[in-house]
């Protein structure tokens, strides 16, 4: 007596249909997931910068002295060129010159952020943000300081971004913005 065994499995057309459906689902999910990851990176950058701004202001009030947040790739001195995403420091500016001098304490060092993130300030907050003992922002000249710092991912096309808006009284807030490009 001959016994036949029934083969269990899937046929090639069935496997091909499953693979087609899976690939169609993935083409929709991957770009959406990439946008979510990009948005998380931007929010992380905004959060890190806002934390440093809050520390700068609170330390200025606590110490009743001028405290500065400035760009710094080295972590020990302010950088006159470059971008915020290369890193920054917070320090007490005893003599009010906007430079870390010997004896001036560096309160925080923030390392560079991911290379796919840009943090750009307009002209008044491009290099530093300084708070007085009253919690107000001032330029090195003594004039009030207000400005906008934009956090975005580099793109030549329309892009979503966050802007940190610092008013003349020193208060910082975050606003969502749509930019034509982020360079």
Protein backbone atom coordinates (compact mmCIF):
# COMPACT_ATOMS: atom_id res chain seq x y z
CA UNK A 1 0.00 0.00 0.00
CA UNK A 2 1.37 3.38 -1.04
CA UNK A 3 0.86 6.26 1.35
CA UNK A 4 1.03 9.83 0.26
CA UNK A 5 2.08 12.62 2.52
CA UNK A 6 0.51 16.00 2.05
CA UNK A 7 3.11 18.73 1.81
CA UNK A 8 2.48 21.63 4.11
CA UNK A 9 3.67 25.11 3.20
CA UNK A 10 2.96 28.03 0.94
CA UNK A 11 3.09 28.28 -2.76
CA UNK A 12 5.32 30.77 -4.52
CA UNK A 13 2.41 33.02 -5.60
CA UNK A 14 1.15 33.17 -1.99
CA UNK A 15 4.59 34.17 -0.70
CA UNK A 16 4.93 36.81 -3.45
CA UNK A 17 1.56 38.36 -2.54
CA UNK A 18 2.53 38.54 1.14
CA UNK A 19 5.86 40.16 0.25
CA UNK A 20 4.11 42.68 -1.99
CA UNK A 21 1.67 43.68 0.75
CA UNK A 22 4.51 43.92 3.29
CA UNK A 23 6.63 46.13 1.01
CA UNK A 24 3.67 48.44 0.33
CA UNK A 25 3.10 48.84 4.06
CA UNK A 26 6.78 49.58 4.67
CA UNK A 27 6.93 52.26 1.94
CA UNK A 28 4.24 54.11 3.84
CA UNK A 29 5.59 53.53 7.36
CA UNK A 30 9.29 54.34 6.90
CA UNK A 31 8.90 57.99 5.77
CA UNK A 32 6.37 58.65 8.52
CA UNK A 33 8.70 57.13 11.12
CA UNK A 34 11.61 59.18 9.81
CA UNK A 35 9.59 62.39 10.32
CA UNK A 36 8.81 61.31 13.88
CA UNK A 37 12.50 60.67 14.60
CA UNK A 38 13.46 64.05 13.06
CA UNK A 39 10.87 65.83 15.20
CA UNK A 40 12.19 64.13 18.36
CA UNK A 41 15.74 65.28 17.50
CA UNK A 42 14.57 68.87 17.09
CA UNK A 43 12.60 68.79 20.35
CA UNK A 44 15.64 67.36 22.15
CA UNK A 45 17.76 70.26 20.86
CA UNK A 46 15.13 72.78 21.92
CA UNK A 47 14.89 71.19 25.36
CA UNK A 48 18.69 71.23 25.86
CA UNK A 49 18.92 74.88 24.84
CA UNK A 50 15.93 75.92 26.97
CA UNK A 51 17.42 74.11 29.99
CA UNK A 52 20.61 76.13 29.58
CA UNK A 53 18.66 79.38 29.16
CA UNK A 54 16.70 78.69 32.34
CA UNK A 55 19.89 77.84 34.21
CA UNK A 56 21.52 81.06 32.95
CA UNK A 57 18.63 83.21 34.10
CA UNK A 58 18.16 81.48 37.47
CA UNK A 59 21.88 81.62 38.27
CA UNK A 60 21.98 85.32 37.36
CA UNK A 61 19.11 86.00 39.76
CA UNK A 62 20.50 83.71 42.48
CA UNK A 63 23.97 85.24 42.29
CA UNK A 64 22.67 88.76 41.61
CA UNK A 65 25.32 88.96 38.90
CA UNK A 66 25.68 88.79 35.15
CA UNK A 67 25.60 85.24 33.75
CA UNK A 68 26.20 84.48 30.06
CA UNK A 69 25.24 81.64 27.74
CA UNK A 70 27.56 81.62 24.69
CA UNK A 71 28.57 79.41 21.76
CA UNK A 72 31.58 77.25 22.55
CA UNK A 73 33.03 74.33 20.66
CA UNK A 74 35.88 73.95 23.17
CA UNK A 75 33.78 74.02 26.33
CA UNK A 76 36.12 76.52 27.96
CA UNK A 77 35.76 79.79 26.03
CA UNK A 78 33.17 81.59 23.91
CA UNK A 79 33.46 81.15 20.14
CA UNK A 80 33.04 84.32 18.04
CA UNK A 81 32.24 82.20 14.96
CA UNK A 82 30.49 78.93 14.32
CA UNK A 83 27.02 77.79 15.25
CA UNK A 84 25.17 77.02 18.46
CA UNK A 85 24.87 73.31 17.63
CA UNK A 86 28.65 72.93 18.08
CA UNK A 87 28.06 73.40 21.81
CA UNK A 88 27.76 76.14 24.41
CA UNK A 89 28.75 77.14 27.92
CA UNK A 90 27.14 79.05 30.79
CA UNK A 91 29.43 81.17 32.94
CA UNK A 92 29.36 84.00 35.46
CA UNK A 93 30.71 87.11 33.74
CA UNK A 94 32.15 89.03 36.69
CA UNK A 95 33.59 91.94 34.69
CA UNK A 96 30.79 92.08 32.07
CA UNK A 97 32.99 91.72 29.00
CA UNK A 98 31.27 88.60 27.61
CA UNK A 99 34.48 86.54 27.69
CA UNK A 100 35.47 83.76 30.09
CA UNK A 101 38.37 85.26 32.01
CA UNK A 102 40.61 83.52 34.55
CA UNK A 103 38.67 83.10 37.79
CA UNK A 104 35.23 83.22 36.14
CA UNK A 105 33.32 80.05 36.85
CA UNK A 106 31.89 77.93 34.00
CA UNK A 107 28.56 76.65 35.30
CA UNK A 108 27.61 74.32 32.43
CA UNK A 109 29.20 72.85 29.34
CA UNK A 110 26.94 71.47 26.62
CA UNK A 111 28.59 69.25 24.00
CA UNK A 112 27.83 69.48 20.31
CA UNK A 113 24.46 68.28 19.10
CA UNK A 114 23.85 65.83 16.23
CA UNK A 115 25.16 67.07 12.89
CA UNK A 116 21.69 67.02 11.36
CA UNK A 117 20.48 69.82 13.63
CA UNK A 118 20.89 73.58 13.19
CA UNK A 119 20.53 76.20 15.92
CA UNK A 120 20.71 79.73 14.55
CA UNK A 121 20.08 83.01 16.34
CA UNK A 122 19.20 86.32 14.76
CA UNK A 123 21.74 89.16 15.04
CA UNK A 124 21.16 90.03 18.72
CA UNK A 125 21.38 86.45 20.00
CA UNK A 126 23.70 84.98 17.39
CA UNK A 127 26.73 84.77 19.72
CA UNK A 128 25.45 84.94 23.31
CA UNK A 129 22.54 85.55 25.67
CA UNK A 130 23.37 87.43 28.88
CA UNK A 131 21.18 87.85 31.97
CA UNK A 132 21.55 90.41 34.74
CA UNK A 133 20.85 89.87 38.42
CA UNK A 134 17.29 91.10 37.77
CA UNK A 135 16.69 88.31 35.24
CA UNK A 136 16.69 90.63 32.23
CA UNK A 137 18.72 90.10 29.09
CA UNK A 138 21.36 92.67 28.15
CA UNK A 139 23.98 93.09 25.46
CA UNK A 140 27.61 93.72 26.42
CA UNK A 141 26.92 97.40 25.73
CA UNK A 142 24.18 97.43 28.38
CA UNK A 143 21.29 97.72 25.91
CA UNK A 144 18.40 95.28 26.28
CA UNK A 145 18.70 92.02 24.38
CA UNK A 146 15.81 90.28 22.65
CA UNK A 147 15.85 87.84 19.77
CA UNK A 148 14.87 84.55 18.20
CA UNK A 149 16.83 81.31 18.06
CA UNK A 150 15.65 78.81 15.46
CA UNK A 151 16.13 75.05 15.85
CA UNK A 152 15.63 73.00 12.68
CA UNK A 153 17.05 70.30 10.45
CA UNK A 154 19.09 71.51 7.46
CA UNK A 155 17.00 71.60 4.31
CA UNK A 156 16.63 73.72 1.20
CA UNK A 157 12.91 72.95 1.15
CA UNK A 158 10.02 73.88 3.42
CA UNK A 159 10.67 72.53 6.90
CA UNK A 160 9.03 72.53 10.34
CA UNK A 161 11.09 74.18 13.06
CA UNK A 162 10.90 75.50 16.59
CA UNK A 163 11.84 79.02 17.58
CA UNK A 164 12.97 80.11 21.01
CA UNK A 165 11.79 83.70 21.41
CA UNK A 166 13.49 85.77 24.10
CA UNK A 167 11.74 89.04 24.96
CA UNK A 168 13.33 92.17 26.43
CA UNK A 169 12.45 91.15 30.00
CA UNK A 170 14.42 87.91 29.55
CA UNK A 171 11.50 85.51 29.31
CA UNK A 172 12.01 82.70 26.79
CA UNK A 173 9.20 80.81 25.09
CA UNK A 174 9.04 78.19 22.35
CA UNK A 175 6.93 78.55 19.23
CA UNK A 176 6.48 76.16 16.31
CA UNK A 177 7.27 77.64 12.91
CA UNK A 178 7.31 76.62 9.26
CA UNK A 179 10.36 77.84 7.34
CA UNK A 180 10.97 77.96 3.60
CA UNK A 181 14.48 76.57 4.24
CA UNK A 182 16.90 75.86 7.09
CA UNK A 183 20.47 76.59 6.12
